[in-house]
Amino acid sequence: MVRNATVKVSSYYAVEGDTLKRVKKTCPKCGPGVFLAEHADRLVCGRCGYVEKKK
């Protein structure tokens, strides 16, 4: 199922001096480039389904 969603890529990165820093956490299973979605009580990967509970 494909959803039409507009995502601002600039919300995933922050500029610090001359470098880019990733703001959101990446999926440990999928690797760099796949970010975890933030929910109220958990972080979820939309690609593989990995779930991490927030403390």
N, C-alpha and C. Protein backbone atom coordinates (compact mmCIF):
# COMPACT_ATOMS: atom_id res chain seq x y z
N MET A 1 0.85 -1.17 0.00
CA MET A 1 0.00 0.00 0.00
C MET A 1 0.90 1.24 0.00
N VAL A 2 0.70 2.08 -0.96
CA VAL A 2 1.49 3.30 -1.08
C VAL A 2 0.63 4.47 -0.64
N ARG A 3 1.19 5.27 0.24
CA ARG A 3 0.47 6.44 0.72
C ARG A 3 1.10 7.69 0.15
N ASN A 4 0.31 8.66 -0.14
CA ASN A 4 0.82 9.94 -0.61
C ASN A 4 1.08 10.82 0.60
N ALA A 5 2.33 10.88 1.00
CA ALA A 5 2.70 11.67 2.17
C ALA A 5 3.86 12.58 1.80
N THR A 6 3.77 13.80 2.23
CA THR A 6 4.85 14.75 1.99
C THR A 6 5.70 14.80 3.26
N VAL A 7 6.99 14.53 3.10
CA VAL A 7 7.91 14.53 4.23
C VAL A 7 8.99 15.56 3.96
N LYS A 8 9.23 16.40 4.95
CA LYS A 8 10.30 17.38 4.83
C LYS A 8 11.60 16.71 5.25
N VAL A 9 12.48 16.50 4.29
CA VAL A 9 13.75 15.85 4.56
C VAL A 9 14.59 16.70 5.50
N SER A 10 14.40 18.00 5.45
CA SER A 10 15.17 18.89 6.32
C SER A 10 14.86 18.68 7.80
N SER A 11 13.74 18.03 8.13
CA SER A 11 13.43 17.76 9.53
C SER A 11 14.21 16.58 10.08
N TYR A 12 14.88 15.81 9.21
CA TYR A 12 15.67 14.65 9.64
C TYR A 12 17.13 15.01 9.90
N TYR A 13 17.58 16.18 9.46
CA TYR A 13 18.97 16.58 9.57
C TYR A 13 19.09 17.97 10.18
N ALA A 14 20.21 18.23 10.84
CA ALA A 14 20.51 19.55 11.39
C ALA A 14 21.91 19.93 10.93
N VAL A 15 22.11 21.20 10.60
CA VAL A 15 23.41 21.68 10.16
C VAL A 15 24.16 22.22 11.36
N GLU A 16 25.34 21.68 11.60
CA GLU A 16 26.20 22.15 12.68
C GLU A 16 27.55 22.52 12.08
N GLY A 17 27.76 23.79 11.88
CA GLY A 17 29.01 24.24 11.25
C GLY A 17 29.05 23.82 9.79
N ASP A 18 30.04 22.99 9.45
CA ASP A 18 30.17 22.50 8.08
C ASP A 18 29.67 21.07 7.91
N THR A 19 29.05 20.50 8.93
CA THR A 19 28.63 19.10 8.86
C THR A 19 27.12 18.97 9.06
N LEU A 20 26.59 17.84 8.59
CA LEU A 20 25.20 17.49 8.81
C LEU A 20 25.11 16.47 9.94
N LYS A 21 24.11 16.63 10.79
CA LYS A 21 23.90 15.70 11.89
C LYS A 21 22.50 15.12 11.75
N ARG A 22 22.38 13.79 11.91
CA ARG A 22 21.07 13.16 11.87
C ARG A 22 20.33 13.46 13.16
N VAL A 23 19.10 13.95 13.05
CA VAL A 23 18.30 14.30 14.22
C VAL A 23 17.53 13.08 14.72
N LYS A 24 16.95 12.33 13.81
CA LYS A 24 16.15 11.17 14.19
C LYS A 24 17.01 9.92 14.26
N LYS A 25 16.57 8.94 15.04
CA LYS A 25 17.31 7.69 15.21
C LYS A 25 17.11 6.80 13.99
N THR A 26 18.16 6.08 13.60
CA THR A 26 18.07 5.17 12.45
C THR A 26 17.76 3.76 12.94
N CYS A 27 17.24 2.93 12.05
CA CYS A 27 16.89 1.55 12.37
C CYS A 27 18.16 0.71 12.47
N PRO A 28 18.34 -0.03 13.58
CA PRO A 28 19.53 -0.86 13.72
C PRO A 28 19.53 -2.07 12.78
N LYS A 29 18.37 -2.52 12.32
CA LYS A 29 18.30 -3.66 11.41
C LYS A 29 18.51 -3.23 9.96
N CYS A 30 17.86 -2.15 9.54
CA CYS A 30 17.91 -1.70 8.14
C CYS A 30 19.17 -0.89 7.83
N GLY A 31 19.71 -0.22 8.82
CA GLY A 31 20.94 0.53 8.62
C GLY A 31 20.70 2.01 8.35
N PRO A 32 21.78 2.72 7.99
CA PRO A 32 21.68 4.17 7.76
C PRO A 32 20.74 4.48 6.60
N GLY A 33 20.01 5.56 6.74
CA GLY A 33 19.08 5.98 5.68
C GLY A 33 17.64 5.60 5.95
N VAL A 34 17.41 4.70 6.91
CA VAL A 34 16.05 4.31 7.28
C VAL A 34 15.82 4.80 8.71
N PHE A 35 14.95 5.78 8.85
CA PHE A 35 14.71 6.40 10.15
C PHE A 35 13.52 5.77 10.85
N LEU A 36 13.54 5.84 12.18
CA LEU A 36 12.44 5.33 12.99
C LEU A 36 11.38 6.41 13.17
N ALA A 37 10.12 6.03 13.06
CA ALA A 37 9.01 6.96 13.28
C ALA A 37 8.80 7.12 14.77
N GLU A 38 8.55 8.35 15.20
CA GLU A 38 8.34 8.62 16.62
C GLU A 38 6.87 8.65 16.95
N HIS A 39 6.46 7.77 17.86
CA HIS A 39 5.11 7.76 18.39
C HIS A 39 5.20 8.18 19.86
N ALA A 40 4.07 8.28 20.52
CA ALA A 40 4.07 8.75 21.91
C ALA A 40 4.85 7.85 22.85
N ASP A 41 4.75 6.53 22.65
CA ASP A 41 5.38 5.60 23.58
C ASP A 41 6.39 4.66 22.94
N ARG A 42 6.68 4.82 21.63
CA ARG A 42 7.57 3.89 20.95
C ARG A 42 8.19 4.51 19.70
N LEU A 43 9.26 3.87 19.22
CA LEU A 43 9.88 4.21 17.94
C LEU A 43 9.69 3.00 17.04
N VAL A 44 9.24 3.22 15.79
CA VAL A 44 8.91 2.11 14.90
C VAL A 44 9.54 2.32 13.53
N CYS A 45 10.08 1.22 12.97
CA CYS A 45 10.59 1.24 11.60
C CYS A 45 9.45 0.83 10.67
N GLY A 46 9.16 1.65 9.69
CA GLY A 46 8.10 1.34 8.74
C GLY A 46 8.51 0.34 7.69
N ARG A 47 9.79 0.08 7.58
CA ARG A 47 10.29 -0.85 6.56
C ARG A 47 10.28 -2.29 7.04
N CYS A 48 10.87 -2.55 8.23
CA CYS A 48 10.99 -3.93 8.71
C CYS A 48 10.09 -4.23 9.91
N GLY A 49 9.52 -3.20 10.55
CA GLY A 49 8.62 -3.42 11.68
C GLY A 49 9.31 -3.44 13.03
N TYR A 50 10.57 -3.07 13.08
CA TYR A 50 11.31 -3.02 14.35
C TYR A 50 10.64 -2.03 15.29
N VAL A 51 10.48 -2.41 16.57
CA VAL A 51 9.84 -1.55 17.57
C VAL A 51 10.76 -1.40 18.76
N GLU A 52 10.87 -0.17 19.23
CA GLU A 52 11.69 0.14 20.41
C GLU A 52 10.83 1.00 21.33
N LYS A 53 10.65 0.57 22.57
CA LYS A 53 9.84 1.33 23.52
C LYS A 53 10.62 2.51 24.07
N LYS A 54 9.93 3.62 24.27
CA LYS A 54 10.53 4.79 24.91
C LYS A 54 10.51 4.59 26.40
N LYS A 55 11.47 5.19 27.07
CA LYS A 55 11.55 5.07 28.52
C LYS A 55 10.80 6.18 29.19
